[in-house]
PDB file of N, CA and C in Angstrom:
ATOM      1  N   MET A   1     190.588 -89.608 109.138  1.00  0.00           N
ATOM      2  CA  MET A   1     189.999 -88.559 109.818  1.00  0.00           C
ATOM      3  C   MET A   1     191.008 -87.743 110.428  1.00  0.00           C
ATOM      4  N   LYS A   2     190.928 -86.439 110.228  1.00  0.00           N
ATOM      5  CA  LYS A   2     191.915 -85.494 110.791  1.00  0.00           C
ATOM      6  C   LYS A   2     191.238 -84.642 111.978  1.00  0.00           C
ATOM      7  N   ILE A   3     191.947 -84.658 112.976  1.00  0.00           N
ATOM      8  CA  ILE A   3     191.454 -83.940 114.220  1.00  0.00           C
ATOM      9  C   ILE A   3     191.917 -82.485 114.059  1.00  0.00           C
ATOM     10  N   GLU A   4     190.940 -81.560 113.986  1.00  0.00           N
ATOM     11  CA  GLU A   4     191.285 -80.204 113.813  1.00  0.00           C
ATOM     12  C   GLU A   4     191.783 -79.518 115.078  1.00  0.00           C
ATOM     13  N   ARG A   5     191.106 -79.772 116.178  1.00  0.00           N
ATOM     14  CA  ARG A   5     191.446 -79.116 117.457  1.00  0.00           C
ATOM     15  C   ARG A   5     191.083 -79.997 118.671  1.00  0.00           C
ATOM     16  N   ILE A   6     191.922 -79.954 119.603  1.00  0.00           N
ATOM     17  CA  ILE A   6     191.594 -80.645 120.867  1.00  0.00           C
ATOM     18  C   ILE A   6     191.597 -79.714 121.959  1.00  0.00           C
ATOM     19  N   GLU A   7     190.519 -79.648 122.658  1.00  0.00           N
ATOM     20  CA  GLU A   7     190.374 -78.734 123.811  1.00  0.00           C
ATOM     21  C   GLU A   7     190.690 -79.591 125.059  1.00  0.00           C
ATOM     22  N   LYS A   8     191.502 -78.997 125.912  1.00  0.00           N
ATOM     23  CA  LYS A   8     191.767 -79.651 127.236  1.00  0.00           C
ATOM     24  C   LYS A   8     191.353 -78.701 128.251  1.00  0.00           C
ATOM     25  N   TYR A   9     190.564 -79.288 129.219  1.00  0.00           N
ATOM     26  CA  TYR A   9     190.220 -78.488 130.375  1.00  0.00           C
ATOM     27  C   TYR A   9     190.341 -79.343 131.619  1.00  0.00           C
ATOM     28  N   GLU A  10     190.708 -78.861 132.652  1.00  0.00           N
ATOM     29  CA  GLU A  10     190.818 -79.558 133.903  1.00  0.00           C
ATOM     30  C   GLU A  10     189.550 -79.428 134.743  1.00  0.00           C
ATOM     31  N   VAL A  11     189.029 -80.619 135.137  1.00  0.00           N
ATOM     32  CA  VAL A  11     187.866 -80.572 136.004  1.00  0.00           C
ATOM     33  C   VAL A  11     188.352 -80.326 137.476  1.00  0.00           C
ATOM     34  N   GLN A  12     187.854 -79.399 138.005  1.00  0.00           N
ATOM     35  CA  GLN A  12     188.277 -79.013 139.360  1.00  0.00           C
ATOM     36  C   GLN A  12     187.438 -79.686 140.484  1.00  0.00           C
ATOM     37  N   LYS A  13     186.235 -79.978 140.176  1.00  0.00           N
ATOM     38  CA  LYS A  13     185.387 -80.608 141.186  1.00  0.00           C
ATOM     39  C   LYS A  13     184.180 -81.281 140.439  1.00  0.00           C
ATOM     40  N   VAL A  14     183.798 -82.396 140.987  1.00  0.00           N
ATOM     41  CA  VAL A  14     182.657 -83.149 140.390  1.00  0.00           C
ATOM     42  C   VAL A  14     181.710 -83.615 141.572  1.00  0.00           C
ATOM     43  N   LYS A  15     180.436 -83.394 141.365  1.00  0.00           N
ATOM     44  CA  LYS A  15     179.323 -83.976 142.259  1.00  0.00           C
ATOM     45  C   LYS A  15     178.316 -84.691 141.427  1.00  0.00           C
ATOM     46  N   THR A  16     177.854 -85.799 141.939  1.00  0.00           N
ATOM     47  CA  THR A  16     176.800 -86.558 141.255  1.00  0.00           C
ATOM     48  C   THR A  16     175.660 -86.968 142.219  1.00  0.00           C
ATOM     49  N   ILE A  17     174.422 -86.718 141.734  1.00  0.00           N
ATOM     50  CA  ILE A  17     173.300 -87.284 142.520  1.00  0.00           C
ATOM     51  C   ILE A  17     172.433 -88.080 141.550  1.00  0.00           C
ATOM     52  N   GLY A  18     171.652 -89.022 142.144  1.00  0.00           N
ATOM     53  CA  GLY A  18     170.838 -89.864 141.350  1.00  0.00           C
ATOM     54  C   GLY A  18     169.365 -89.813 141.971  1.00  0.00           C
ATOM     55  N   VAL A  19     168.357 -89.812 141.144  1.00  0.00           N
ATOM     56  CA  VAL A  19     166.971 -89.836 141.578  1.00  0.00           C
ATOM     57  C   VAL A  19     166.233 -90.967 140.812  1.00  0.00           C
ATOM     58  N   ASP A  20     165.495 -91.774 141.602  1.00  0.00           N
ATOM     59  CA  ASP A  20     164.592 -92.792 140.939  1.00  0.00           C
ATOM     60  C   ASP A  20     163.416 -92.067 140.332  1.00  0.00           C
ATOM     61  N   VAL A  21     163.263 -92.126 138.977  1.00  0.00           N
ATOM     62  CA  VAL A  21     162.179 -91.466 138.322  1.00  0.00           C
ATOM     63  C   VAL A  21     161.090 -92.523 137.783  1.00  0.00           C
ATOM     64  N   THR A  22     161.215 -93.696 138.326  1.00  0.00           N
ATOM     65  CA  THR A  22     160.282 -94.768 137.948  1.00  0.00           C
ATOM     66  C   THR A  22     158.891 -94.368 137.989  1.00  0.00           C
ATOM     67  N   HIS A  23     158.530 -93.775 139.194  1.00  0.00           N
ATOM     68  CA  HIS A  23     157.145 -93.416 139.429  1.00  0.00           C
ATOM     69  C   HIS A  23     156.774 -91.995 139.047  1.00  0.00           C
ATOM     70  N   SER A  24     157.790 -91.056 139.442  1.00  0.00           N
ATOM     71  CA  SER A  24     157.432 -89.657 139.187  1.00  0.00           C
ATOM     72  C   SER A  24     157.423 -89.219 137.753  1.00  0.00           C
ATOM     73  N   VAL A  25     158.168 -89.846 136.872  1.00  0.00           N
ATOM     74  CA  VAL A  25     158.178 -89.492 135.468  1.00  0.00           C
ATOM     75  C   VAL A  25     157.525 -90.652 134.625  1.00  0.00           C
ATOM     76  N   PHE A  26     157.831 -91.903 134.846  1.00  0.00           N
ATOM     77  CA  PHE A  26     157.362 -92.960 133.986  1.00  0.00           C
ATOM     78  C   PHE A  26     156.120 -93.641 134.484  1.00  0.00           C
ATOM     79  N   GLU A  27     155.600 -93.300 135.632  1.00  0.00           N
ATOM     80  CA  GLU A  27     154.402 -93.965 136.215  1.00  0.00           C
ATOM     81  C   GLU A  27     154.484 -95.448 136.179  1.00  0.00           C
ATOM     82  N   ASN A  28     155.656 -95.906 136.612  1.00  0.00           N
ATOM     83  CA  ASN A  28     155.970 -97.380 136.667  1.00  0.00           C
ATOM     84  C   ASN A  28     156.032 -98.066 135.409  1.00  0.00           C
ATOM     85  N   ARG A  29     156.033 -97.347 134.251  1.00  0.00           N
ATOM     86  CA  ARG A  29     156.193 -98.034 132.941  1.00  0.00           C
ATOM     87  C   ARG A  29     157.565 -98.697 132.775  1.00  0.00           C
ATOM     88  N   ILE A  30     158.588 -98.014 133.274  1.00  0.00           N
ATOM     89  CA  ILE A  30     159.897 -98.474 133.238  1.00  0.00           C
ATOM     90  C   ILE A  30     160.581 -98.120 134.610  1.00  0.00           C
ATOM     91  N   ASN A  31     161.579 -98.959 134.966  1.00  0.00           N
ATOM     92  CA  ASN A  31     162.430 -98.686 136.061  1.00  0.00           C
ATOM     93  C   ASN A  31     163.547 -97.770 135.540  1.00  0.00           C
ATOM     94  N   ALA A  32     163.777 -96.631 136.108  1.00  0.00           N
ATOM     95  CA  ALA A  32     164.726 -95.730 135.646  1.00  0.00           C
ATOM     96  C   ALA A  32     165.338 -94.821 136.688  1.00  0.00           C
ATOM     97  N   MET A  33     166.545 -94.531 136.661  1.00  0.00           N
ATOM     98  CA  MET A  33     167.291 -93.612 137.531  1.00  0.00           C
ATOM     99  C   MET A  33     167.834 -92.479 136.622  1.00  0.00           C
ATOM    100  N   LEU A  34     167.614 -91.240 137.082  1.00  0.00           N
ATOM    101  CA  LEU A  34     168.195 -90.111 136.346  1.00  0.00           C
ATOM    102  C   LEU A  34     169.336 -89.629 137.262  1.00  0.00           C
ATOM    103  N   TYR A  35     170.487 -89.390 136.569  1.00  0.00           N
ATOM    104  CA  TYR A  35     171.693 -88.895 137.265  1.00  0.00           C
ATOM    105  C   TYR A  35     172.000 -87.481 136.824  1.00  0.00           C
ATOM    106  N   CYS A  36     172.539 -86.706 137.765  1.00  0.00           N
ATOM    107  CA  CYS A  36     172.925 -85.283 137.407  1.00  0.00           C
ATOM    108  C   CYS A  36     174.335 -85.192 138.033  1.00  0.00           C
ATOM    109  N   THR A  37     175.338 -84.905 137.181  1.00  0.00           N
ATOM    110  CA  THR A  37     176.672 -84.635 137.550  1.00  0.00           C
ATOM    111  C   THR A  37     176.996 -83.216 137.280  1.00  0.00           C
ATOM    112  N   LYS A  38     177.584 -82.547 138.234  1.00  0.00           N
ATOM    113  CA  LYS A  38     177.927 -81.137 138.018  1.00  0.00           C
ATOM    114  C   LYS A  38     179.549 -81.117 137.970  1.00  0.00           C
ATOM    115  N   GLU A  39     180.120 -80.572 136.964  1.00  0.00           N
ATOM    116  CA  GLU A  39     181.549 -80.412 136.728  1.00  0.00           C
ATOM    117  C   GLU A  39     181.927 -78.967 136.825  1.00  0.00           C
ATOM    118  N   TRP A  40     182.840 -78.636 137.658  1.00  0.00           N
ATOM    119  CA  TRP A  40     183.383 -77.310 137.701  1.00  0.00           C
ATOM    120  C   TRP A  40     184.706 -77.321 136.965  1.00  0.00           C
ATOM    121  N   THR A  41     184.836 -76.506 135.943  1.00  0.00           N
ATOM    122  CA  THR A  41     186.039 -76.473 135.097  1.00  0.00           C
ATOM    123  C   THR A  41     186.589 -75.102 135.102  1.00  0.00           C
ATOM    124  N   GLN A  42     187.755 -74.944 134.465  1.00  0.00           N
ATOM    125  CA  GLN A  42     188.381 -73.611 134.326  1.00  0.00           C
ATOM    126  C   GLN A  42     187.572 -72.721 133.342  1.00  0.00           C
ATOM    127  N   ILE A  43     186.900 -73.271 132.432  1.00  0.00           N
ATOM    128  CA  ILE A  43     186.168 -72.530 131.472  1.00  0.00           C
ATOM    129  C   ILE A  43     184.777 -72.254 131.816  1.00  0.00           C
ATOM    130  N   ASP A  44     184.024 -73.292 132.236  1.00  0.00           N
ATOM    131  CA  ASP A  44     182.603 -73.091 132.552  1.00  0.00           C
ATOM    132  C   ASP A  44     182.217 -74.247 133.457  1.00  0.00           C
ATOM    133  N   ASP A  45     181.048 -74.188 134.093  1.00  0.00           N
ATOM    134  CA  ASP A  45     180.476 -75.293 134.910  1.00  0.00           C
ATOM    135  C   ASP A  45     179.421 -75.906 134.024  1.00  0.00           C
ATOM    136  N   TYR A  46     179.325 -77.290 134.250  1.00  0.00           N
ATOM    137  CA  TYR A  46     178.415 -78.055 133.401  1.00  0.00           C
ATOM    138  C   TYR A  46     177.564 -78.962 134.269  1.00  0.00           C
ATOM    139  N   TYR A  47     176.325 -79.234 133.733  1.00  0.00           N
ATOM    140  CA  TYR A  47     175.594 -80.278 134.360  1.00  0.00           C
ATOM    141  C   TYR A  47     175.366 -81.353 133.288  1.00  0.00           C
ATOM    142  N   VAL A  48     175.634 -82.538 133.649  1.00  0.00           N
ATOM    143  CA  VAL A  48     175.493 -83.672 132.769  1.00  0.00           C
ATOM    144  C   VAL A  48     174.306 -84.561 133.270  1.00  0.00           C
ATOM    145  N   PHE A  49     173.276 -84.683 132.530  1.00  0.00           N
ATOM    146  CA  PHE A  49     172.127 -85.476 133.022  1.00  0.00           C
ATOM    147  C   PHE A  49     172.186 -86.821 132.168  1.00  0.00           C
ATOM    148  N   SER A  50     171.970 -87.927 132.902  1.00  0.00           N
ATOM    149  CA  SER A  50     172.041 -89.190 132.205  1.00  0.00           C
ATOM    150  C   SER A  50     170.941 -90.067 132.647  1.00  0.00           C
ATOM    151  N   LEU A  51     170.346 -90.808 131.736  1.00  0.00           N
ATOM    152  CA  LEU A  51     169.309 -91.795 131.992  1.00  0.00           C
ATOM    153  C   LEU A  51     169.861 -93.085 131.346  1.00  0.00           C
ATOM    154  N   PRO A  52     170.598 -93.888 132.198  1.00  0.00           N
ATOM    155  CA  PRO A  52     171.267 -95.021 131.584  1.00  0.00           C
ATOM    156  C   PRO A  52     170.324 -96.034 130.967  1.00  0.00           C
ATOM    157  N   TYR A  53     169.116 -96.261 131.558  1.00  0.00           N
ATOM    158  CA  TYR A  53     168.199 -97.242 130.953  1.00  0.00           C
ATOM    159  C   TYR A  53     167.937 -96.923 129.460  1.00  0.00           C
ATOM    160  N   GLU A  54     167.839 -95.734 129.125  1.00  0.00           N
ATOM    161  CA  GLU A  54     167.602 -95.260 127.701  1.00  0.00           C
ATOM    162  C   GLU A  54     168.792 -94.952 127.036  1.00  0.00           C
ATOM    163  N   HIS A  55     169.968 -95.166 127.557  1.00  0.00           N
ATOM    164  CA  HIS A  55     171.320 -94.881 126.911  1.00  0.00           C
ATOM    165  C   HIS A  55     171.310 -93.434 126.457  1.00  0.00           C
ATOM    166  N   PHE A  56     170.901 -92.565 127.407  1.00  0.00           N
ATOM    167  CA  PHE A  56     170.789 -91.126 127.059  1.00  0.00           C
ATOM    168  C   PHE A  56     171.636 -90.259 128.007  1.00  0.00           C
ATOM    169  N   ALA A  57     172.293 -89.259 127.500  1.00  0.00           N
ATOM    170  CA  ALA A  57     172.948 -88.269 128.251  1.00  0.00           C
ATOM    171  C   ALA A  57     173.005 -86.962 127.561  1.00  0.00           C
ATOM    172  N   VAL A  58     172.908 -85.863 128.185  1.00  0.00           N
ATOM    173  CA  VAL A  58     172.966 -84.544 127.671  1.00  0.00           C
ATOM    174  C   VAL A  58     173.797 -83.709 128.687  1.00  0.00           C
ATOM    175  N   GLU A  59     174.612 -82.802 128.079  1.00  0.00           N
ATOM    176  CA  GLU A  59     175.358 -81.846 128.875  1.00  0.00           C
ATOM    177  C   GLU A  59     174.821 -80.426 128.706  1.00  0.00           C
ATOM    178  N   VAL A  60     174.617 -79.756 129.846  1.00  0.00           N
ATOM    179  CA  VAL A  60     174.094 -78.409 129.817  1.00  0.00           C
ATOM    180  C   VAL A  60     174.978 -77.463 130.556  1.00  0.00           C
ATOM    181  N   SER A  61     175.406 -76.365 129.898  1.00  0.00           N
ATOM    182  CA  SER A  61     176.268 -75.414 130.659  1.00  0.00           C
ATOM    183  C   SER A  61     175.477 -74.693 131.783  1.00  0.00           C
ATOM    184  N   GLU A  62     176.100 -74.237 132.741  1.00  0.00           N
ATOM    185  CA  GLU A  62     175.491 -73.545 133.864  1.00  0.00           C
ATOM    186  C   GLU A  62     174.638 -72.385 133.398  1.00  0.00           C
ATOM    187  N   ARG A  63     175.094 -71.661 132.439  1.00  0.00           N
ATOM    188  CA  ARG A  63     174.319 -70.531 132.018  1.00  0.00           C
ATOM    189  C   ARG A  63     172.981 -70.948 131.278  1.00  0.00           C
ATOM    190  N   ASP A  64     173.026 -72.184 130.654  1.00  0.00           N
ATOM    191  CA  ASP A  64     171.870 -72.667 129.940  1.00  0.00           C
ATOM    192  C   ASP A  64     170.898 -73.398 130.749  1.00  0.00           C
ATOM    193  N   GLN A  65     171.272 -73.739 132.025  1.00  0.00           N
ATOM    194  CA  GLN A  65     170.422 -74.613 132.856  1.00  0.00           C
ATOM    195  C   GLN A  65     169.158 -73.878 133.210  1.00  0.00           C
ATOM    196  N   LYS A  66     169.045 -72.581 133.062  1.00  0.00           N
ATOM    197  CA  LYS A  66     167.838 -71.883 133.390  1.00  0.00           C
ATOM    198  C   LYS A  66     166.692 -72.058 132.279  1.00  0.00           C
ATOM    199  N   ASN A  67     167.119 -72.525 131.135  1.00  0.00           N
ATOM    200  CA  ASN A  67     166.223 -72.859 130.038  1.00  0.00           C
ATOM    201  C   ASN A  67     165.988 -74.341 129.799  1.00  0.00           C
ATOM    202  N   LEU A  68     165.943 -75.175 130.806  1.00  0.00           N
ATOM    203  CA  LEU A  68     165.885 -76.624 130.532  1.00  0.00           C
ATOM    204  C   LEU A  68     164.623 -76.995 129.862  1.00  0.00           C
ATOM    205  N   SER A  69     163.599 -76.176 129.949  1.00  0.00           N
ATOM    206  CA  SER A  69     162.302 -76.607 129.250  1.00  0.00           C
ATOM    207  C   SER A  69     162.519 -76.602 127.760  1.00  0.00           C
ATOM    208  N   ASP A  70     163.594 -75.889 127.265  1.00  0.00           N
ATOM    209  CA  ASP A  70     163.904 -75.903 125.834  1.00  0.00           C
ATOM    210  C   ASP A  70     164.282 -77.379 125.385  1.00  0.00           C
ATOM    211  N   LEU A  71     164.656 -78.213 126.408  1.00  0.00           N
ATOM    212  CA  LEU A  71     165.111 -79.532 126.060  1.00  0.00           C
ATOM    213  C   LEU A  71     163.952 -80.540 125.667  1.00  0.00           C
ATOM    214  N   ILE A  72     162.737 -80.132 125.936  1.00  0.00           N
ATOM    215  CA  ILE A  72     161.611 -81.032 125.782  1.00  0.00           C
ATOM    216  C   ILE A  72     161.552 -81.731 124.377  1.00  0.00           C
ATOM    217  N   PRO A  73     161.669 -80.899 123.270  1.00  0.00           N
ATOM    218  CA  PRO A  73     161.606 -81.499 121.988  1.00  0.00           C
ATOM    219  C   PRO A  73     162.778 -82.509 121.762  1.00  0.00           C
ATOM    220  N   PHE A  74     163.936 -82.049 122.215  1.00  0.00           N
ATOM    221  CA  PHE A  74     165.142 -82.872 122.125  1.00  0.00           C
ATOM    222  C   PHE A  74     165.003 -84.186 122.859  1.00  0.00           C
ATOM    223  N   LEU A  75     164.466 -84.122 124.037  1.00  0.00           N
ATOM    224  CA  LEU A  75     164.248 -85.390 124.864  1.00  0.00           C
ATOM    225  C   LEU A  75     163.315 -86.302 124.151  1.00  0.00           C
ATOM    226  N   MET A  76     162.229 -85.724 123.578  1.00  0.00           N
ATOM    227  CA  MET A  76     161.253 -86.570 122.876  1.00  0.00           C
ATOM    228  C   MET A  76     161.881 -87.221 121.616  1.00  0.00           C
ATOM    229  N   GLU A  77     162.716 -86.503 121.029  1.00  0.00           N
ATOM    230  CA  GLU A  77     163.389 -87.031 119.853  1.00  0.00           C
ATOM    231  C   GLU A  77     164.387 -88.174 120.180  1.00  0.00           C
ATOM    232  N   ARG A  78     165.026 -87.937 121.227  1.00  0.00           N
ATOM    233  CA  ARG A  78     166.197 -88.857 121.589  1.00  0.00           C
ATOM    234  C   ARG A  78     165.855 -90.051 122.459  1.00  0.00           C
ATOM    235  N   ILE A  79     164.835 -89.906 123.225  1.00  0.00           N
ATOM    236  CA  ILE A  79     164.353 -91.025 124.068  1.00  0.00           C
ATOM    237  C   ILE A  79     163.143 -91.729 123.547  1.00  0.00           C
ATOM    238  N   GLU A  80     163.361 -92.968 123.193  1.00  0.00           N
ATOM    239  CA  GLU A  80     162.297 -93.673 122.509  1.00  0.00           C
ATOM    240  C   GLU A  80     161.092 -93.795 123.442  1.00  0.00           C
ATOM    241  N   ARG A  81     159.896 -93.692 122.837  1.00  0.00           N
ATOM    242  CA  ARG A  81     158.560 -93.847 123.518  1.00  0.00           C
ATOM    243  C   ARG A  81     158.418 -92.847 124.668  1.00  0.00           C
ATOM    244  N   LEU A  82     159.055 -91.657 124.687  1.00  0.00           N
ATOM    245  CA  LEU A  82     158.879 -90.711 125.665  1.00  0.00           C
ATOM    246  C   LEU A  82     157.817 -89.716 125.250  1.00  0.00           C
ATOM    247  N   SER A  83     156.727 -89.643 126.025  1.00  0.00           N
ATOM    248  CA  SER A  83     155.560 -88.727 125.732  1.00  0.00           C
ATOM    249  C   SER A  83     155.968 -87.292 126.121  1.00  0.00           C
ATOM    250  N   GLU A  84     155.182 -86.351 125.657  1.00  0.00           N
ATOM    251  CA  GLU A  84     155.473 -84.947 125.963  1.00  0.00           C
ATOM    252  C   GLU A  84     155.286 -84.725 127.441  1.00  0.00           C
ATOM    253  N   LEU A  85     154.246 -85.294 128.111  1.00  0.00           N
ATOM    254  CA  LEU A  85     154.030 -85.218 129.464  1.00  0.00           C
ATOM    255  C   LEU A  85     155.250 -85.785 130.279  1.00  0.00           C
ATOM    256  N   GLU A  86     155.742 -86.934 129.839  1.00  0.00           N
ATOM    257  CA  GLU A  86     156.958 -87.463 130.586  1.00  0.00           C
ATOM    258  C   GLU A  86     158.156 -86.579 130.391  1.00  0.00           C
ATOM    259  N   ALA A  87     158.294 -86.006 129.221  1.00  0.00           N
ATOM    260  CA  ALA A  87     159.442 -85.072 128.927  1.00  0.00           C
ATOM    261  C   ALA A  87     159.314 -83.787 129.857  1.00  0.00           C
ATOM    262  N   GLU A  88     158.159 -83.348 129.978  1.00  0.00           N
ATOM    263  CA  GLU A  88     157.914 -82.231 130.901  1.00  0.00           C
ATOM    264  C   GLU A  88     158.300 -82.544 132.356  1.00  0.00           C
ATOM    265  N   LYS A  89     157.842 -83.733 132.758  1.00  0.00           N
ATOM    266  CA  LYS A  89     158.126 -84.229 134.123  1.00  0.00           C
ATOM    267  C   LYS A  89     159.635 -84.427 134.215  1.00  0.00           C
ATOM    268  N   LEU A  90     160.271 -84.924 133.319  1.00  0.00           N
ATOM    269  CA  LEU A  90     161.702 -85.172 133.329  1.00  0.00           C
ATOM    270  C   LEU A  90     162.491 -83.804 133.498  1.00  0.00           C
ATOM    271  N   VAL A  91     162.013 -82.899 132.788  1.00  0.00           N
ATOM    272  CA  VAL A  91     162.628 -81.521 132.912  1.00  0.00           C
ATOM    273  C   VAL A  91     162.434 -80.974 134.323  1.00  0.00           C
ATOM    274  N   GLN A  92     161.246 -81.134 134.915  1.00  0.00           N
ATOM    275  CA  GLN A  92     160.963 -80.636 136.246  1.00  0.00           C
ATOM    276  C   GLN A  92     161.913 -81.270 137.236  1.00  0.00           C
ATOM    277  N   VAL A  93     162.157 -82.622 137.040  1.00  0.00           N
ATOM    278  CA  VAL A  93     163.117 -83.297 137.894  1.00  0.00           C
ATOM    279  C   VAL A  93     164.477 -82.775 137.725  1.00  0.00           C
ATOM    280  N   MET A  94     164.922 -82.525 136.510  1.00  0.00           N
ATOM    281  CA  MET A  94     166.229 -81.998 136.252  1.00  0.00           C
ATOM    282  C   MET A  94     166.418 -80.571 136.917  1.00  0.00           C
ATOM    283  N   GLN A  95     165.318 -79.743 136.834  1.00  0.00           N
ATOM    284  CA  GLN A  95     165.389 -78.489 137.541  1.00  0.00           C
ATOM    285  C   GLN A  95     165.597 -78.640 139.052  1.00  0.00           C
ATOM    286  N   GLN A  96     164.868 -79.605 139.589  1.00  0.00           N
ATOM    287  CA  GLN A  96     165.020 -79.892 141.022  1.00  0.00           C
ATOM    288  C   GLN A  96     166.430 -80.318 141.404  1.00  0.00           C
ATOM    289  N   MET A  97     166.975 -81.212 140.491  1.00  0.00           N
ATOM    290  CA  MET A  97     168.273 -81.854 140.693  1.00  0.00           C
ATOM    291  C   MET A  97     169.354 -80.689 140.655  1.00  0.00           C
ATOM    292  N   VAL A  98     169.235 -79.765 139.739  1.00  0.00           N
ATOM    293  CA  VAL A  98     170.204 -78.582 139.695  1.00  0.00           C
ATOM    294  C   VAL A  98     170.235 -77.902 140.989  1.00  0.00           C
ATOM    295  N   PHE A  99     169.019 -77.602 141.550  1.00  0.00           N
ATOM    296  CA  PHE A  99     168.912 -76.893 142.903  1.00  0.00           C
ATOM    297  C   PHE A  99     169.565 -77.780 143.970  1.00  0.00           C
ATOM    298  N   LEU A 100     169.273 -79.087 143.952  1.00  0.00           N
ATOM    299  CA  LEU A 100     169.801 -79.953 145.039  1.00  0.00           C
ATOM    300  C   LEU A 100     171.252 -80.140 144.954  1.00  0.00           C
ATOM    301  N   ILE A 101     171.827 -80.319 143.793  1.00  0.00           N
ATOM    302  CA  ILE A 101     173.244 -80.513 143.710  1.00  0.00           C
ATOM    303  C   ILE A 101     174.035 -79.293 144.034  1.00  0.00           C
ATOM    304  N   ASP A 102     173.468 -78.054 143.811  1.00  0.00           N
ATOM    305  CA  ASP A 102     174.142 -76.863 144.217  1.00  0.00           C
ATOM    306  C   ASP A 102     174.067 -76.663 145.716  1.00  0.00           C
ATOM    307  N   GLU A 103     173.158 -77.294 146.368  1.00  0.00           N
ATOM    308  CA  GLU A 103     172.991 -77.191 147.911  1.00  0.00           C
ATOM    309  C   GLU A 103     173.868 -78.096 148.642  1.00  0.00           C
ATOM    310  N   ILE A 104     174.279 -79.156 148.036  1.00  0.00           N
ATOM    311  CA  ILE A 104     175.105 -80.218 148.646  1.00  0.00           C
ATOM    312  C   ILE A 104     176.519 -79.746 148.699  1.00  0.00           C
ATOM    313  N   ASP A 105     177.143 -79.943 149.886  1.00  0.00           N
ATOM    314  CA  ASP A 105     178.597 -79.610 150.062  1.00  0.00           C
ATOM    315  C   ASP A 105     179.378 -80.725 149.656  1.00  0.00           C
TER     316      ASP A 105
END
């Protein structure tokens, strides 16, 4: 395997918050925490959402975070047994987390 290009960027600041989504998203079907990490870099700012129980993570640029609802089909494809309603609820929590993480100093 040949590496074509390596991009290096320096993370200037990182914040992470976690929310228990056991009841709000999964209605007690599974115990799960959703984490949101915001990274400030020289190039762009990113949100990384992870759901460790499902071995799932997705990175969203700050400019794309306004369209998180576009992730619903992707979430349903990548997270086993996730219903459309659960995907919609998960996106709502993600949107709230973006607001919260930007408010925290």
